[in-house]
Amino acid sequence: MAFWARFHVVKAVLGGVLLVLVVRLARRTWHEYVGSRARGRRARLAVAGVLEAPLLLLAVLLVAANVQGALAPMSSALGLLPVGRGGTAPDGVAEGGMALTVREIRRALQSPDAAVPPALTRLVGDFAAYHAVMVGVGAVVTLGLAVLAVRVWPRRGVAAEPWHLRGPRVVTAVSVLGLAAAFAVISAANLSTFLHPAPALLGFFDGGA
């Protein structure tokens, strides 16, 4: 698990570098757009700004997902397991020892009164931590996006600002608020899983994740 955690740390750092670069590029594009007087140049800069938006979102997702994986590597690695319905691989081929292990985990999770092996207790705890991290990361991202939307929204004191500046501000602010709402929903879903990790983990081993 130490290797897997370091792997996610490296990717989180790379995602952070990408995020900084894209933010700086977006700011420069905006300043160039504001200072441009030629419609053709403004149009090209507007297209560049639109193309930069998915990169910015990708960088945020990379950082968030890899911070989550670095702090809870065990649950992050679960996604690599060929777990399917009945303890088989996705193509239906039995996985031998894996199938037996999955069936034992299911039985333990389905029977709250049964004795839970220490390894499974650790797995449930790591699964809860995995989603707790995303609750925190999602809350930070949601708050950051909300603040950004407020800063981008046209101020009352700049009512004379031309439409070609006010329009992009409004569109950007509304889009950012939509992303903030999406991250808020993601945080709420992860909070629900954090509060009830065992049923969610059982759903994963049942092939529902």
C-alpha atoms as a PDB file:
ATOM      1  CA  MET A   1       0.000   0.000   0.000  1.00  0.00           C
ATOM      2  CA  ALA A   2       2.956   2.346   0.585  1.00  0.00           C
ATOM      3  CA  PHE A   3       3.866   2.177  -3.108  1.00  0.00           C
ATOM      4  CA  TRP A   4       0.243   2.831  -4.115  1.00  0.00           C
ATOM      5  CA  ALA A   5       0.078   5.836  -1.767  1.00  0.00           C
ATOM      6  CA  ARG A   6       3.314   7.269  -3.195  1.00  0.00           C
ATOM      7  CA  PHE A   7       1.979   6.687  -6.697  1.00  0.00           C
ATOM      8  CA  HIS A   8      -1.060   8.841  -5.890  1.00  0.00           C
ATOM      9  CA  VAL A   9       1.109  11.491  -4.225  1.00  0.00           C
ATOM     10  CA  VAL A  10       3.140  11.847  -7.420  1.00  0.00           C
ATOM     11  CA  LYS A  11      -0.013  12.129  -9.510  1.00  0.00           C
ATOM     12  CA  ALA A  12      -1.500  14.657  -7.084  1.00  0.00           C
ATOM     13  CA  VAL A  13       1.634  16.806  -7.362  1.00  0.00           C
ATOM     14  CA  LEU A  14       1.539  16.591 -11.150  1.00  0.00           C
ATOM     15  CA  GLY A  15      -2.150  17.465 -11.091  1.00  0.00           C
ATOM     16  CA  GLY A  16      -1.365  20.431  -8.850  1.00  0.00           C
ATOM     17  CA  VAL A  17       1.294  21.658 -11.285  1.00  0.00           C
ATOM     18  CA  LEU A  18      -1.192  21.325 -14.141  1.00  0.00           C
ATOM     19  CA  LEU A  19      -3.798  23.227 -12.111  1.00  0.00           C
ATOM     20  CA  VAL A  20      -1.409  26.121 -11.447  1.00  0.00           C
ATOM     21  CA  LEU A  21      -0.376  26.291 -15.104  1.00  0.00           C
ATOM     22  CA  VAL A  22      -3.948  26.249 -16.384  1.00  0.00           C
ATOM     23  CA  VAL A  23      -5.034  28.920 -13.876  1.00  0.00           C
ATOM     24  CA  ARG A  24      -2.149  31.176 -14.922  1.00  0.00           C
ATOM     25  CA  LEU A  25      -2.948  30.563 -18.589  1.00  0.00           C
ATOM     26  CA  ALA A  26      -6.637  31.334 -18.017  1.00  0.00           C
ATOM     27  CA  ARG A  27      -5.808  34.593 -16.211  1.00  0.00           C
ATOM     28  CA  ARG A  28      -3.475  35.670 -18.988  1.00  0.00           C
ATOM     29  CA  THR A  29      -6.109  34.818 -21.604  1.00  0.00           C
ATOM     30  CA  TRP A  30      -8.676  36.897 -19.732  1.00  0.00           C
ATOM     31  CA  HIS A  31      -6.347  39.894 -19.405  1.00  0.00           C
ATOM     32  CA  GLU A  32      -5.509  39.682 -23.098  1.00  0.00           C
ATOM     33  CA  TYR A  33      -9.236  39.478 -23.874  1.00  0.00           C
ATOM     34  CA  VAL A  34      -9.992  42.561 -21.758  1.00  0.00           C
ATOM     35  CA  GLY A  35      -7.214  44.567 -23.372  1.00  0.00           C
ATOM     36  CA  SER A  36      -7.998  43.548 -26.941  1.00  0.00           C
ATOM     37  CA  ARG A  37      -9.865  45.997 -29.190  1.00  0.00           C
ATOM     38  CA  ALA A  38     -10.062  43.819 -32.311  1.00  0.00           C
ATOM     39  CA  ARG A  39     -13.159  41.616 -32.557  1.00  0.00           C
ATOM     40  CA  GLY A  40     -11.297  38.850 -34.353  1.00  0.00           C
ATOM     41  CA  ARG A  41      -8.664  38.634 -31.643  1.00  0.00           C
ATOM     42  CA  ARG A  42     -11.319  38.695 -28.921  1.00  0.00           C
ATOM     43  CA  ALA A  43     -13.122  35.838 -30.675  1.00  0.00           C
ATOM     44  CA  ARG A  44      -9.942  33.746 -30.762  1.00  0.00           C
ATOM     45  CA  LEU A  45      -9.233  34.481 -27.120  1.00  0.00           C
ATOM     46  CA  ALA A  46     -12.812  33.559 -26.202  1.00  0.00           C
ATOM     47  CA  VAL A  47     -12.410  30.195 -27.959  1.00  0.00           C
ATOM     48  CA  ALA A  48      -9.122  29.672 -26.110  1.00  0.00           C
ATOM     49  CA  GLY A  49     -10.873  30.397 -22.797  1.00  0.00           C
ATOM     50  CA  VAL A  50     -13.596  27.859 -23.584  1.00  0.00           C
ATOM     51  CA  LEU A  51     -10.972  25.223 -24.413  1.00  0.00           C
ATOM     52  CA  GLU A  52      -9.104  25.926 -21.187  1.00  0.00           C
ATOM     53  CA  ALA A  53     -12.180  25.255 -19.030  1.00  0.00           C
ATOM     54  CA  PRO A  54     -12.147  21.425 -19.456  1.00  0.00           C
ATOM     55  CA  LEU A  55      -8.415  21.406 -18.676  1.00  0.00           C
ATOM     56  CA  LEU A  56      -9.074  23.315 -15.468  1.00  0.00           C
ATOM     57  CA  LEU A  57     -11.801  20.863 -14.453  1.00  0.00           C
ATOM     58  CA  LEU A  58      -9.552  17.905 -15.318  1.00  0.00           C
ATOM     59  CA  ALA A  59      -6.754  19.316 -13.156  1.00  0.00           C
ATOM     60  CA  VAL A  60      -9.121  19.786 -10.200  1.00  0.00           C
ATOM     61  CA  LEU A  61     -10.413  16.228 -10.559  1.00  0.00           C
ATOM     62  CA  LEU A  62      -6.873  14.834 -10.809  1.00  0.00           C
ATOM     63  CA  VAL A  63      -5.810  16.576  -7.619  1.00  0.00           C
ATOM     64  CA  ALA A  64      -8.978  15.577  -5.736  1.00  0.00           C
ATOM     65  CA  ALA A  65      -8.934  11.916  -6.806  1.00  0.00           C
ATOM     66  CA  ASN A  66      -5.231  11.446  -6.100  1.00  0.00           C
ATOM     67  CA  VAL A  67      -5.340  13.149  -2.704  1.00  0.00           C
ATOM     68  CA  GLN A  68      -8.126  10.704  -1.906  1.00  0.00           C
ATOM     69  CA  GLY A  69      -6.060   7.767  -3.146  1.00  0.00           C
ATOM     70  CA  ALA A  70      -2.926   8.896  -1.294  1.00  0.00           C
ATOM     71  CA  LEU A  71      -4.719   9.168   2.064  1.00  0.00           C
ATOM     72  CA  ALA A  72      -6.717   5.934   1.681  1.00  0.00           C
ATOM     73  CA  PRO A  73      -4.679   3.751  -0.707  1.00  0.00           C
ATOM     74  CA  MET A  74      -6.259   0.434   0.259  1.00  0.00           C
ATOM     75  CA  SER A  75      -9.750   1.429  -0.878  1.00  0.00           C
ATOM     76  CA  SER A  76      -8.310   3.136  -3.928  1.00  0.00           C
ATOM     77  CA  ALA A  77      -6.704  -0.144  -4.974  1.00  0.00           C
ATOM     78  CA  LEU A  78     -10.007  -2.013  -4.622  1.00  0.00           C
ATOM     79  CA  GLY A  79     -11.039  -0.710  -8.012  1.00  0.00           C
ATOM     80  CA  LEU A  80      -8.269  -2.788  -9.595  1.00  0.00           C
ATOM     81  CA  LEU A  81      -9.690  -6.062  -8.301  1.00  0.00           C
ATOM     82  CA  PRO A  82     -11.689  -8.211 -10.777  1.00  0.00           C
ATOM     83  CA  VAL A  83     -14.692  -8.268  -8.456  1.00  0.00           C
ATOM     84  CA  GLY A  84     -18.012  -9.120 -10.031  1.00  0.00           C
ATOM     85  CA  ARG A  85     -21.273 -10.847  -9.277  1.00  0.00           C
ATOM     86  CA  GLY A  86     -20.598 -14.146  -7.545  1.00  0.00           C
ATOM     87  CA  GLY A  87     -16.906 -13.476  -7.012  1.00  0.00           C
ATOM     88  CA  THR A  88     -16.001 -13.846 -10.657  1.00  0.00           C
ATOM     89  CA  ALA A  89     -14.126 -11.693 -13.061  1.00  0.00           C
ATOM     90  CA  PRO A  90     -16.166  -9.316 -15.232  1.00  0.00           C
ATOM     91  CA  ASP A  91     -16.173 -11.836 -18.085  1.00  0.00           C
ATOM     92  CA  GLY A  92     -17.695 -14.495 -15.812  1.00  0.00           C
ATOM     93  CA  VAL A  93     -14.547 -16.567 -15.377  1.00  0.00           C
ATOM     94  CA  ALA A  94     -14.061 -17.783 -11.813  1.00  0.00           C
ATOM     95  CA  GLU A  95     -11.139 -16.249  -9.961  1.00  0.00           C
ATOM     96  CA  GLY A  96     -10.453 -19.160  -7.619  1.00  0.00           C
ATOM     97  CA  GLY A  97      -9.134 -17.859  -4.313  1.00  0.00           C
ATOM     98  CA  MET A  98     -10.489 -14.410  -5.105  1.00  0.00           C
ATOM     99  CA  ALA A  99     -14.008 -15.795  -5.409  1.00  0.00           C
ATOM    100  CA  LEU A 100     -13.731 -17.490  -1.998  1.00  0.00           C
ATOM    101  CA  THR A 101     -12.381 -14.323  -0.377  1.00  0.00           C
ATOM    102  CA  VAL A 102     -15.169 -12.195  -1.847  1.00  0.00           C
ATOM    103  CA  ARG A 103     -17.836 -14.649  -0.635  1.00  0.00           C
ATOM    104  CA  GLU A 104     -16.374 -14.551   2.893  1.00  0.00           C
ATOM    105  CA  ILE A 105     -16.327 -10.753   2.874  1.00  0.00           C
ATOM    106  CA  ARG A 106     -19.952 -10.668   1.720  1.00  0.00           C
ATOM    107  CA  ARG A 107     -21.055 -13.063   4.446  1.00  0.00           C
ATOM    108  CA  ALA A 108     -19.287 -11.005   7.121  1.00  0.00           C
ATOM    109  CA  LEU A 109     -20.767  -7.741   5.864  1.00  0.00           C
ATOM    110  CA  GLN A 110     -24.263  -9.211   5.529  1.00  0.00           C
ATOM    111  CA  SER A 111     -24.229 -10.480   9.147  1.00  0.00           C
ATOM    112  CA  PRO A 112     -23.671  -7.545  11.514  1.00  0.00           C
ATOM    113  CA  ASP A 113     -23.723  -9.882  14.529  1.00  0.00           C
ATOM    114  CA  ALA A 114     -21.022 -12.149  13.137  1.00  0.00           C
ATOM    115  CA  ALA A 115     -17.404 -11.833  14.236  1.00  0.00           C
ATOM    116  CA  VAL A 116     -15.601  -9.533  11.818  1.00  0.00           C
ATOM    117  CA  PRO A 117     -11.980 -10.432  10.989  1.00  0.00           C
ATOM    118  CA  PRO A 118      -9.453  -7.704  11.872  1.00  0.00           C
ATOM    119  CA  ALA A 119      -8.451  -7.383   8.217  1.00  0.00           C
ATOM    120  CA  LEU A 120     -12.045  -6.660   7.217  1.00  0.00           C
ATOM    121  CA  THR A 121     -12.417  -4.167  10.080  1.00  0.00           C
ATOM    122  CA  ARG A 122      -9.378  -2.341   8.731  1.00  0.00           C
ATOM    123  CA  LEU A 123     -10.806  -2.441   5.203  1.00  0.00           C
ATOM    124  CA  VAL A 124     -14.134  -0.967   6.345  1.00  0.00           C
ATOM    125  CA  GLY A 125     -12.270   1.747   8.261  1.00  0.00           C
ATOM    126  CA  ASP A 126     -10.118   2.572   5.232  1.00  0.00           C
ATOM    127  CA  PHE A 127     -13.228   2.631   3.029  1.00  0.00           C
ATOM    128  CA  ALA A 128     -14.826   5.129   5.415  1.00  0.00           C
ATOM    129  CA  ALA A 129     -11.650   7.235   5.433  1.00  0.00           C
ATOM    130  CA  TYR A 130     -11.541   7.114   1.627  1.00  0.00           C
ATOM    131  CA  HIS A 131     -14.945   8.766   1.439  1.00  0.00           C
ATOM    132  CA  ALA A 132     -14.266  11.108   4.367  1.00  0.00           C
ATOM    133  CA  VAL A 133     -11.321  12.525   2.424  1.00  0.00           C
ATOM    134  CA  MET A 134     -13.572  13.237  -0.538  1.00  0.00           C
ATOM    135  CA  VAL A 135     -16.065  14.950   1.766  1.00  0.00           C
ATOM    136  CA  GLY A 136     -13.319  17.333   2.879  1.00  0.00           C
ATOM    137  CA  VAL A 137     -11.849  17.816  -0.590  1.00  0.00           C
ATOM    138  CA  GLY A 138     -15.297  18.293  -2.107  1.00  0.00           C
ATOM    139  CA  ALA A 139     -16.209  20.868   0.538  1.00  0.00           C
ATOM    140  CA  VAL A 140     -13.009  22.831  -0.128  1.00  0.00           C
ATOM    141  CA  VAL A 141     -13.552  22.734  -3.888  1.00  0.00           C
ATOM    142  CA  THR A 142     -17.217  23.721  -3.491  1.00  0.00           C
ATOM    143  CA  LEU A 143     -16.309  26.686  -1.314  1.00  0.00           C
ATOM    144  CA  GLY A 144     -13.491  27.725  -3.640  1.00  0.00           C
ATOM    145  CA  LEU A 145     -15.767  27.590  -6.681  1.00  0.00           C
ATOM    146  CA  ALA A 146     -18.469  29.583  -4.891  1.00  0.00           C
ATOM    147  CA  VAL A 147     -15.943  32.293  -3.979  1.00  0.00           C
ATOM    148  CA  LEU A 148     -14.664  32.324  -7.552  1.00  0.00           C
ATOM    149  CA  ALA A 149     -18.197  32.735  -8.907  1.00  0.00           C
ATOM    150  CA  VAL A 150     -18.782  35.719  -6.615  1.00  0.00           C
ATOM    151  CA  ARG A 151     -15.503  37.319  -7.703  1.00  0.00           C
ATOM    152  CA  VAL A 152     -16.219  36.788 -11.393  1.00  0.00           C
ATOM    153  CA  TRP A 153     -19.818  38.070 -11.290  1.00  0.00           C
ATOM    154  CA  PRO A 154     -20.058  41.668 -12.632  1.00  0.00           C
ATOM    155  CA  ARG A 155     -20.076  44.257  -9.853  1.00  0.00           C
ATOM    156  CA  ARG A 156     -22.698  46.950  -9.552  1.00  0.00           C
ATOM    157  CA  GLY A 157     -20.011  49.571  -9.795  1.00  0.00           C
ATOM    158  CA  VAL A 158     -19.067  48.450 -13.290  1.00  0.00           C
ATOM    159  CA  ALA A 159     -22.501  48.763 -14.869  1.00  0.00           C
ATOM    160  CA  ALA A 160     -20.893  50.660 -17.744  1.00  0.00           C
ATOM    161  CA  GLU A 161     -18.660  47.674 -18.531  1.00  0.00           C
ATOM    162  CA  PRO A 162     -19.222  46.694 -22.191  1.00  0.00           C
ATOM    163  CA  TRP A 163     -21.284  43.619 -23.023  1.00  0.00           C
ATOM    164  CA  HIS A 164     -18.310  41.696 -24.405  1.00  0.00           C
ATOM    165  CA  LEU A 165     -16.880  41.778 -20.858  1.00  0.00           C
ATOM    166  CA  ARG A 166     -20.082  41.401 -18.830  1.00  0.00           C
ATOM    167  CA  GLY A 167     -21.333  38.488 -20.943  1.00  0.00           C
ATOM    168  CA  PRO A 168     -18.343  36.203 -20.342  1.00  0.00           C
ATOM    169  CA  ARG A 169     -18.380  37.143 -16.655  1.00  0.00           C
ATOM    170  CA  VAL A 170     -22.001  36.064 -16.274  1.00  0.00           C
ATOM    171  CA  VAL A 171     -21.539  32.843 -18.268  1.00  0.00           C
ATOM    172  CA  THR A 172     -18.408  31.940 -16.311  1.00  0.00           C
ATOM    173  CA  ALA A 173     -19.998  32.685 -12.944  1.00  0.00           C
ATOM    174  CA  VAL A 174     -23.086  30.595 -13.721  1.00  0.00           C
ATOM    175  CA  SER A 175     -20.935  27.703 -15.001  1.00  0.00           C
ATOM    176  CA  VAL A 176     -18.731  27.820 -11.911  1.00  0.00           C
ATOM    177  CA  LEU A 177     -21.804  27.822  -9.661  1.00  0.00           C
ATOM    178  CA  GLY A 178     -23.065  24.748 -11.517  1.00  0.00           C
ATOM    179  CA  LEU A 179     -19.753  22.996 -10.850  1.00  0.00           C
ATOM    180  CA  ALA A 180     -19.927  24.050  -7.204  1.00  0.00           C
ATOM    181  CA  ALA A 181     -23.387  22.485  -6.940  1.00  0.00           C
ATOM    182  CA  ALA A 182     -22.088  19.274  -8.559  1.00  0.00           C
ATOM    183  CA  PHE A 183     -19.204  19.037  -6.077  1.00  0.00           C
ATOM    184  CA  ALA A 184     -21.643  19.709  -3.225  1.00  0.00           C
ATOM    185  CA  VAL A 185     -23.741  16.731  -4.364  1.00  0.00           C
ATOM    186  CA  ILE A 186     -20.603  14.577  -4.623  1.00  0.00           C
ATOM    187  CA  SER A 187     -19.601  15.606  -1.101  1.00  0.00           C
ATOM    188  CA  ALA A 188     -23.070  14.738   0.221  1.00  0.00           C
ATOM    189  CA  ALA A 189     -22.954  11.310  -1.440  1.00  0.00           C
ATOM    190  CA  ASN A 190     -19.526  10.618   0.052  1.00  0.00           C
ATOM    191  CA  LEU A 191     -20.722  11.793   3.466  1.00  0.00           C
ATOM    192  CA  SER A 192     -23.543   9.241   3.303  1.00  0.00           C
ATOM    193  CA  THR A 193     -21.038   6.501   2.485  1.00  0.00           C
ATOM    194  CA  PHE A 194     -18.714   7.663   5.269  1.00  0.00           C
ATOM    195  CA  LEU A 195     -21.550   7.400   7.792  1.00  0.00           C
ATOM    196  CA  HIS A 196     -22.554   3.915   6.564  1.00  0.00           C
ATOM    197  CA  PRO A 197     -19.383   2.354   5.099  1.00  0.00           C
ATOM    198  CA  ALA A 198     -20.231  -1.341   5.554  1.00  0.00           C
ATOM    199  CA  PRO A 199     -23.387  -1.389   3.358  1.00  0.00           C
ATOM    200  CA  ALA A 200     -21.578   0.656   0.700  1.00  0.00           C
ATOM    201  CA  LEU A 201     -18.613  -1.732   0.777  1.00  0.00           C
ATOM    202  CA  LEU A 202     -20.994  -4.668   0.481  1.00  0.00           C
ATOM    203  CA  GLY A 203     -22.522  -2.970  -2.565  1.00  0.00           C
ATOM    204  CA  PHE A 204     -19.060  -2.764  -4.093  1.00  0.00           C
ATOM    205  CA  PHE A 205     -18.382  -6.474  -3.588  1.00  0.00           C
ATOM    206  CA  ASP A 206     -21.857  -7.236  -4.929  1.00  0.00           C
ATOM    207  CA  GLY A 207     -20.821  -5.541  -8.153  1.00  0.00           C
ATOM    208  CA  GLY A 208     -22.785  -2.349  -7.538  1.00  0.00           C
ATOM    209  CA  ALA A 209     -19.763  -0.031  -7.584  1.00  0.00           C
END
